[in-house]
Amino acid sequence: MRLLGITIPEKKRLEIGLTVLFGVGRSRSQKILDKAKVDYSKKPNDLSSEEENSIRKIIEEHKLEGNLKREVSGNIKRLIDIKSYRGSRHIKKLPSRGQRTRTNARTMRGKKKTMGSGRKVDKK
């Protein structure tokens, strides 16, 4: 089963499988399946063509994948353009929502970089 150009995993339950789409989490996938009147535990192989089309129609109503990514990057670009504090934090690749950075903040800052020369010099 393909939705928005992405293949939904065949071996996973639909509730979990729909989360491979950017912008769909567990709760949104449950709402989509409720609207389409499809059981959460069904697998993409077991769907009838009518159920598949109803899921596809409901998903097209939401802003997902490329459109959502474009909107998010546009929002970040706008913050940078107006030179807001949050925009400057995005430029510096630091957390923009007030978290501390002395420790933690590893997701934004990336892997630890050890400072120093890396080897000790012998003194005689």
N, C-alpha and C. Protein backbone atom coordinates (compact mmCIF):
# COMPACT_ATOMS: atom_id res chain seq x y z
N MET A 1 0.85 -1.19 0.00
CA MET A 1 0.00 0.00 0.00
C MET A 1 0.89 1.24 0.00
N ARG A 2 0.64 2.13 -0.96
CA ARG A 2 1.42 3.37 -1.05
C ARG A 2 0.51 4.56 -0.82
N LEU A 3 0.97 5.48 0.05
CA LEU A 3 0.25 6.72 0.30
C LEU A 3 1.23 7.88 0.18
N LEU A 4 0.89 8.88 -0.58
CA LEU A 4 1.73 10.07 -0.78
C LEU A 4 3.14 9.70 -1.22
N GLY A 5 3.26 8.64 -2.02
CA GLY A 5 4.56 8.22 -2.54
C GLY A 5 5.41 7.44 -1.56
N ILE A 6 4.82 7.03 -0.43
CA ILE A 6 5.57 6.28 0.59
C ILE A 6 4.89 4.94 0.81
N THR A 7 5.68 3.89 0.87
CA THR A 7 5.13 2.55 1.08
C THR A 7 4.87 2.32 2.56
N ILE A 8 3.66 1.91 2.88
CA ILE A 8 3.30 1.57 4.25
C ILE A 8 3.79 0.15 4.51
N PRO A 9 4.53 -0.09 5.62
CA PRO A 9 5.06 -1.42 5.89
C PRO A 9 3.95 -2.48 5.91
N GLU A 10 4.14 -3.57 5.19
CA GLU A 10 3.12 -4.61 5.04
C GLU A 10 2.95 -5.46 6.30
N LYS A 11 4.00 -5.63 7.08
CA LYS A 11 3.94 -6.54 8.23
C LYS A 11 3.49 -5.87 9.52
N LYS A 12 3.40 -4.53 9.52
CA LYS A 12 2.99 -3.82 10.74
C LYS A 12 1.49 -3.56 10.70
N ARG A 13 0.90 -3.42 11.90
CA ARG A 13 -0.51 -3.05 11.99
C ARG A 13 -0.69 -1.66 11.41
N LEU A 14 -1.87 -1.38 10.86
CA LEU A 14 -2.12 -0.08 10.22
C LEU A 14 -1.90 1.08 11.16
N GLU A 15 -2.31 0.92 12.42
CA GLU A 15 -2.16 1.99 13.41
C GLU A 15 -0.69 2.44 13.50
N ILE A 16 0.23 1.48 13.46
CA ILE A 16 1.65 1.77 13.54
C ILE A 16 2.21 2.12 12.17
N GLY A 17 1.76 1.43 11.16
CA GLY A 17 2.29 1.61 9.80
C GLY A 17 2.06 3.00 9.25
N LEU A 18 0.93 3.62 9.60
CA LEU A 18 0.65 4.97 9.08
C LEU A 18 1.60 6.01 9.65
N THR A 19 2.27 5.70 10.75
CA THR A 19 3.17 6.68 11.37
C THR A 19 4.45 6.89 10.57
N VAL A 20 4.69 6.10 9.51
CA VAL A 20 5.86 6.36 8.67
C VAL A 20 5.68 7.65 7.87
N LEU A 21 4.44 8.12 7.74
CA LEU A 21 4.18 9.39 7.05
C LEU A 21 4.57 10.54 7.96
N PHE A 22 5.29 11.54 7.44
CA PHE A 22 5.68 12.71 8.23
C PHE A 22 4.42 13.48 8.57
N GLY A 23 4.19 13.71 9.85
CA GLY A 23 3.01 14.44 10.29
C GLY A 23 1.92 13.54 10.82
N VAL A 24 2.14 12.22 10.82
CA VAL A 24 1.15 11.28 11.36
C VAL A 24 1.78 10.54 12.52
N GLY A 25 1.20 10.70 13.70
CA GLY A 25 1.62 9.96 14.87
C GLY A 25 0.55 8.93 15.20
N ARG A 26 0.66 8.35 16.40
CA ARG A 26 -0.30 7.33 16.78
C ARG A 26 -1.72 7.89 16.87
N SER A 27 -1.87 9.05 17.50
CA SER A 27 -3.22 9.58 17.71
C SER A 27 -3.87 9.96 16.38
N ARG A 28 -3.11 10.57 15.47
CA ARG A 28 -3.69 10.94 14.18
C ARG A 28 -4.01 9.70 13.36
N SER A 29 -3.17 8.67 13.43
CA SER A 29 -3.46 7.45 12.68
C SER A 29 -4.73 6.79 13.21
N GLN A 30 -4.94 6.84 14.53
CA GLN A 30 -6.17 6.29 15.11
C GLN A 30 -7.38 7.06 14.64
N LYS A 31 -7.27 8.40 14.58
CA LYS A 31 -8.40 9.22 14.11
C LYS A 31 -8.72 8.91 12.65
N ILE A 32 -7.67 8.75 11.84
CA ILE A 32 -7.87 8.45 10.42
C ILE A 32 -8.58 7.11 10.27
N LEU A 33 -8.14 6.10 11.02
CA LEU A 33 -8.74 4.77 10.93
C LEU A 33 -10.16 4.76 11.48
N ASP A 34 -10.44 5.59 12.52
CA ASP A 34 -11.80 5.70 13.03
C ASP A 34 -12.73 6.29 11.98
N LYS A 35 -12.26 7.35 11.31
CA LYS A 35 -13.08 7.99 10.26
C LYS A 35 -13.34 7.02 9.12
N ALA A 36 -12.33 6.22 8.77
CA ALA A 36 -12.47 5.28 7.66
C ALA A 36 -13.18 4.00 8.09
N LYS A 37 -13.47 3.87 9.39
CA LYS A 37 -14.12 2.68 9.96
C LYS A 37 -13.34 1.42 9.65
N VAL A 38 -12.01 1.48 9.93
CA VAL A 38 -11.12 0.34 9.72
C VAL A 38 -10.53 -0.04 11.08
N ASP A 39 -10.39 -1.33 11.33
CA ASP A 39 -9.84 -1.83 12.59
C ASP A 39 -8.35 -1.50 12.66
N TYR A 40 -7.87 -1.08 13.86
CA TYR A 40 -6.47 -0.71 14.05
C TYR A 40 -5.53 -1.88 13.78
N SER A 41 -5.96 -3.08 14.13
CA SER A 41 -5.05 -4.23 14.06
C SER A 41 -4.94 -4.83 12.67
N LYS A 42 -5.71 -4.34 11.70
CA LYS A 42 -5.60 -4.85 10.33
C LYS A 42 -4.25 -4.51 9.75
N LYS A 43 -3.78 -5.33 8.84
CA LYS A 43 -2.52 -5.07 8.15
C LYS A 43 -2.83 -4.60 6.74
N PRO A 44 -1.93 -3.84 6.15
CA PRO A 44 -2.19 -3.30 4.80
C PRO A 44 -2.54 -4.36 3.76
N ASN A 45 -2.03 -5.58 3.92
CA ASN A 45 -2.36 -6.67 2.97
C ASN A 45 -3.83 -7.06 3.04
N ASP A 46 -4.42 -6.95 4.25
CA ASP A 46 -5.79 -7.44 4.48
C ASP A 46 -6.87 -6.43 4.09
N LEU A 47 -6.49 -5.23 3.66
CA LEU A 47 -7.47 -4.19 3.35
C LEU A 47 -8.17 -4.45 2.03
N SER A 48 -9.46 -4.11 2.00
CA SER A 48 -10.17 -4.15 0.72
C SER A 48 -9.86 -2.86 -0.02
N SER A 49 -10.17 -2.81 -1.30
CA SER A 49 -9.87 -1.61 -2.09
C SER A 49 -10.72 -0.42 -1.61
N GLU A 50 -11.94 -0.70 -1.12
CA GLU A 50 -12.80 0.38 -0.61
C GLU A 50 -12.20 1.00 0.64
N GLU A 51 -11.69 0.16 1.57
CA GLU A 51 -11.07 0.66 2.80
C GLU A 51 -9.82 1.46 2.47
N GLU A 52 -9.04 0.95 1.54
CA GLU A 52 -7.80 1.64 1.14
C GLU A 52 -8.11 3.01 0.55
N ASN A 53 -9.14 3.08 -0.30
CA ASN A 53 -9.52 4.36 -0.91
C ASN A 53 -10.06 5.34 0.13
N SER A 54 -10.82 4.83 1.12
CA SER A 54 -11.35 5.73 2.15
C SER A 54 -10.21 6.30 3.00
N ILE A 55 -9.20 5.47 3.32
CA ILE A 55 -8.03 5.95 4.08
C ILE A 55 -7.29 6.99 3.25
N ARG A 56 -7.10 6.72 1.97
CA ARG A 56 -6.38 7.63 1.07
C ARG A 56 -7.11 8.99 1.00
N LYS A 57 -8.44 8.95 0.92
CA LYS A 57 -9.24 10.18 0.83
C LYS A 57 -9.12 11.02 2.09
N ILE A 58 -9.13 10.35 3.27
CA ILE A 58 -9.01 11.07 4.55
C ILE A 58 -7.62 11.66 4.71
N ILE A 59 -6.60 10.92 4.29
CA ILE A 59 -5.21 11.40 4.41
C ILE A 59 -4.99 12.63 3.53
N GLU A 60 -5.63 12.67 2.37
CA GLU A 60 -5.46 13.82 1.47
C GLU A 60 -6.02 15.11 2.06
N GLU A 61 -6.93 15.00 3.05
CA GLU A 61 -7.48 16.20 3.70
C GLU A 61 -6.45 16.87 4.61
N HIS A 62 -5.49 16.08 5.12
CA HIS A 62 -4.50 16.61 6.06
C HIS A 62 -3.28 17.14 5.31
N LYS A 63 -2.57 18.04 5.98
CA LYS A 63 -1.30 18.56 5.44
C LYS A 63 -0.19 17.67 5.96
N LEU A 64 0.40 16.85 5.07
CA LEU A 64 1.41 15.87 5.48
C LEU A 64 2.58 15.90 4.52
N GLU A 65 3.64 15.17 4.91
CA GLU A 65 4.83 14.96 4.08
C GLU A 65 5.41 16.26 3.53
N GLY A 66 5.55 16.38 2.22
CA GLY A 66 6.24 17.52 1.59
C GLY A 66 5.63 18.86 1.93
N ASN A 67 4.29 18.94 1.89
CA ASN A 67 3.62 20.22 2.19
C ASN A 67 3.89 20.66 3.62
N LEU A 68 3.84 19.72 4.56
CA LEU A 68 4.08 20.04 5.97
C LEU A 68 5.53 20.44 6.19
N LYS A 69 6.47 19.70 5.58
CA LYS A 69 7.89 20.04 5.71
C LYS A 69 8.16 21.42 5.14
N ARG A 70 7.53 21.74 4.01
CA ARG A 70 7.71 23.06 3.38
C ARG A 70 7.18 24.15 4.30
N GLU A 71 6.03 23.91 4.93
CA GLU A 71 5.45 24.90 5.83
C GLU A 71 6.34 25.13 7.05
N VAL A 72 6.85 24.05 7.63
CA VAL A 72 7.71 24.16 8.82
C VAL A 72 8.99 24.92 8.48
N SER A 73 9.62 24.56 7.35
CA SER A 73 10.86 25.26 6.98
C SER A 73 10.56 26.72 6.64
N GLY A 74 9.39 27.00 6.08
CA GLY A 74 8.98 28.38 5.81
C GLY A 74 8.81 29.18 7.10
N ASN A 75 8.24 28.54 8.11
CA ASN A 75 8.07 29.21 9.41
C ASN A 75 9.42 29.54 10.04
N ILE A 76 10.36 28.59 9.95
CA ILE A 76 11.70 28.82 10.51
C ILE A 76 12.40 29.93 9.74
N LYS A 77 12.26 29.92 8.41
CA LYS A 77 12.88 30.95 7.57
C LYS A 77 12.32 32.33 7.91
N ARG A 78 11.01 32.39 8.17
CA ARG A 78 10.37 33.66 8.55
C ARG A 78 10.95 34.18 9.85
N LEU A 79 11.14 33.28 10.84
CA LEU A 79 11.71 33.69 12.13
C LEU A 79 13.13 34.22 11.95
N ILE A 80 13.89 33.57 11.05
CA ILE A 80 15.26 34.02 10.80
C ILE A 80 15.25 35.37 10.09
N ASP A 81 14.35 35.55 9.12
CA ASP A 81 14.27 36.80 8.35
C ASP A 81 13.91 38.00 9.22
N ILE A 82 13.01 37.80 10.19
CA ILE A 82 12.61 38.94 11.03
C ILE A 82 13.57 39.12 12.20
N LYS A 83 14.64 38.30 12.22
CA LYS A 83 15.70 38.39 13.23
C LYS A 83 15.16 38.28 14.65
N SER A 84 14.23 37.34 14.84
CA SER A 84 13.70 37.11 16.19
C SER A 84 14.70 36.28 16.99
N TYR A 85 14.50 36.23 18.30
CA TYR A 85 15.37 35.45 19.17
C TYR A 85 15.32 33.98 18.77
N ARG A 86 14.10 33.47 18.54
CA ARG A 86 13.95 32.07 18.14
C ARG A 86 14.67 31.80 16.83
N GLY A 87 14.62 32.74 15.91
CA GLY A 87 15.32 32.58 14.64
C GLY A 87 16.82 32.51 14.83
N SER A 88 17.34 33.35 15.73
CA SER A 88 18.79 33.33 15.99
C SER A 88 19.20 32.00 16.63
N ARG A 89 18.35 31.43 17.46
CA ARG A 89 18.64 30.13 18.08
C ARG A 89 18.67 29.03 17.01
N HIS A 90 17.79 29.13 16.02
CA HIS A 90 17.79 28.16 14.92
C HIS A 90 19.09 28.26 14.12
N ILE A 91 19.55 29.49 13.86
CA ILE A 91 20.79 29.69 13.11
C ILE A 91 21.97 29.05 13.85
N LYS A 92 22.01 29.23 15.19
CA LYS A 92 23.13 28.73 15.98
C LYS A 92 22.99 27.24 16.32
N LYS A 93 21.89 26.63 15.88
CA LYS A 93 21.60 25.21 16.18
C LYS A 93 21.57 24.96 17.69
N LEU A 94 20.84 25.80 18.38
CA LEU A 94 20.64 25.67 19.82
C LEU A 94 19.14 25.54 20.09
N PRO A 95 18.74 25.04 21.27
CA PRO A 95 17.31 24.92 21.56
C PRO A 95 16.65 26.29 21.58
N SER A 96 15.44 26.37 21.03
CA SER A 96 14.79 27.68 20.91
C SER A 96 13.67 27.88 21.92
N ARG A 97 13.45 26.91 22.80
CA ARG A 97 12.31 27.02 23.71
C ARG A 97 12.72 27.10 25.17
N GLY A 98 13.87 27.71 25.46
CA GLY A 98 14.23 28.01 26.84
C GLY A 98 14.91 26.91 27.61
N GLN A 99 15.26 25.80 26.97
CA GLN A 99 15.94 24.74 27.71
C GLN A 99 17.36 25.16 28.04
N ARG A 100 17.94 24.53 29.05
CA ARG A 100 19.32 24.85 29.43
C ARG A 100 20.27 24.20 28.44
N THR A 101 21.45 24.81 28.30
CA THR A 101 22.42 24.27 27.35
C THR A 101 23.75 23.91 27.99
N ARG A 102 23.89 24.21 29.27
CA ARG A 102 25.16 23.87 29.92
C ARG A 102 25.35 22.35 29.93
N THR A 103 24.28 21.65 30.27
CA THR A 103 24.26 20.20 30.11
C THR A 103 23.07 19.89 29.23
N ASN A 104 22.97 18.70 28.76
CA ASN A 104 21.86 18.26 27.90
C ASN A 104 21.85 19.03 26.57
N ALA A 105 20.70 19.20 25.97
CA ALA A 105 20.54 19.83 24.66
C ALA A 105 21.34 19.09 23.58
N ARG A 106 21.53 17.80 23.75
CA ARG A 106 22.34 17.01 22.81
C ARG A 106 21.67 16.86 21.46
N THR A 107 20.34 16.83 21.43
CA THR A 107 19.66 16.64 20.15
C THR A 107 19.95 17.80 19.20
N MET A 108 19.89 19.01 19.71
CA MET A 108 20.14 20.17 18.86
C MET A 108 21.63 20.36 18.61
N ARG A 109 22.45 20.21 19.66
CA ARG A 109 23.87 20.54 19.53
C ARG A 109 24.69 19.44 18.88
N GLY A 110 24.16 18.22 18.85
CA GLY A 110 24.88 17.12 18.23
C GLY A 110 25.75 16.37 19.22
N LYS A 111 26.54 15.45 18.69
CA LYS A 111 27.38 14.59 19.51
C LYS A 111 28.45 15.41 20.24
N LYS A 112 28.87 14.92 21.42
CA LYS A 112 29.90 15.61 22.21
C LYS A 112 31.20 15.73 21.43
N LYS A 113 31.82 16.90 21.52
CA LYS A 113 33.13 17.11 20.90
C LYS A 113 34.12 17.34 22.03
N THR A 114 35.10 16.49 22.17
CA THR A 114 36.08 16.63 23.24
C THR A 114 37.04 17.77 22.90
N MET A 115 37.29 18.63 23.87
CA MET A 115 38.19 19.75 23.66
C MET A 115 39.59 19.35 24.11
N GLY A 116 40.60 19.97 23.56
CA GLY A 116 41.97 19.69 23.94
C GLY A 116 42.72 19.04 22.78
N SER A 117 44.00 18.78 23.01
CA SER A 117 44.85 18.27 21.92
C SER A 117 44.59 16.80 21.63
N GLY A 118 44.11 16.04 22.61
CA GLY A 118 43.84 14.65 22.38
C GLY A 118 44.95 13.74 22.89
N ARG A 119 46.18 14.26 23.05
CA ARG A 119 47.27 13.44 23.60
C ARG A 119 48.10 14.30 24.53
N LYS A 120 48.72 13.65 25.49
CA LYS A 120 49.53 14.37 26.47
C LYS A 120 50.98 14.42 26.01
N VAL A 121 51.67 15.53 26.31
CA VAL A 121 53.07 15.70 25.95
C VAL A 121 53.92 15.29 27.15
N ASP A 122 54.97 14.46 26.93
CA ASP A 122 55.85 14.02 28.02
C ASP A 122 56.77 15.15 28.46
N LYS A 123 56.89 15.34 29.78
CA LYS A 123 57.81 16.35 30.31
C LYS A 123 59.00 15.63 30.92
N LYS A 124 60.24 16.00 30.51
CA LYS A 124 61.44 15.36 31.03
C LYS A 124 62.33 16.30 31.76
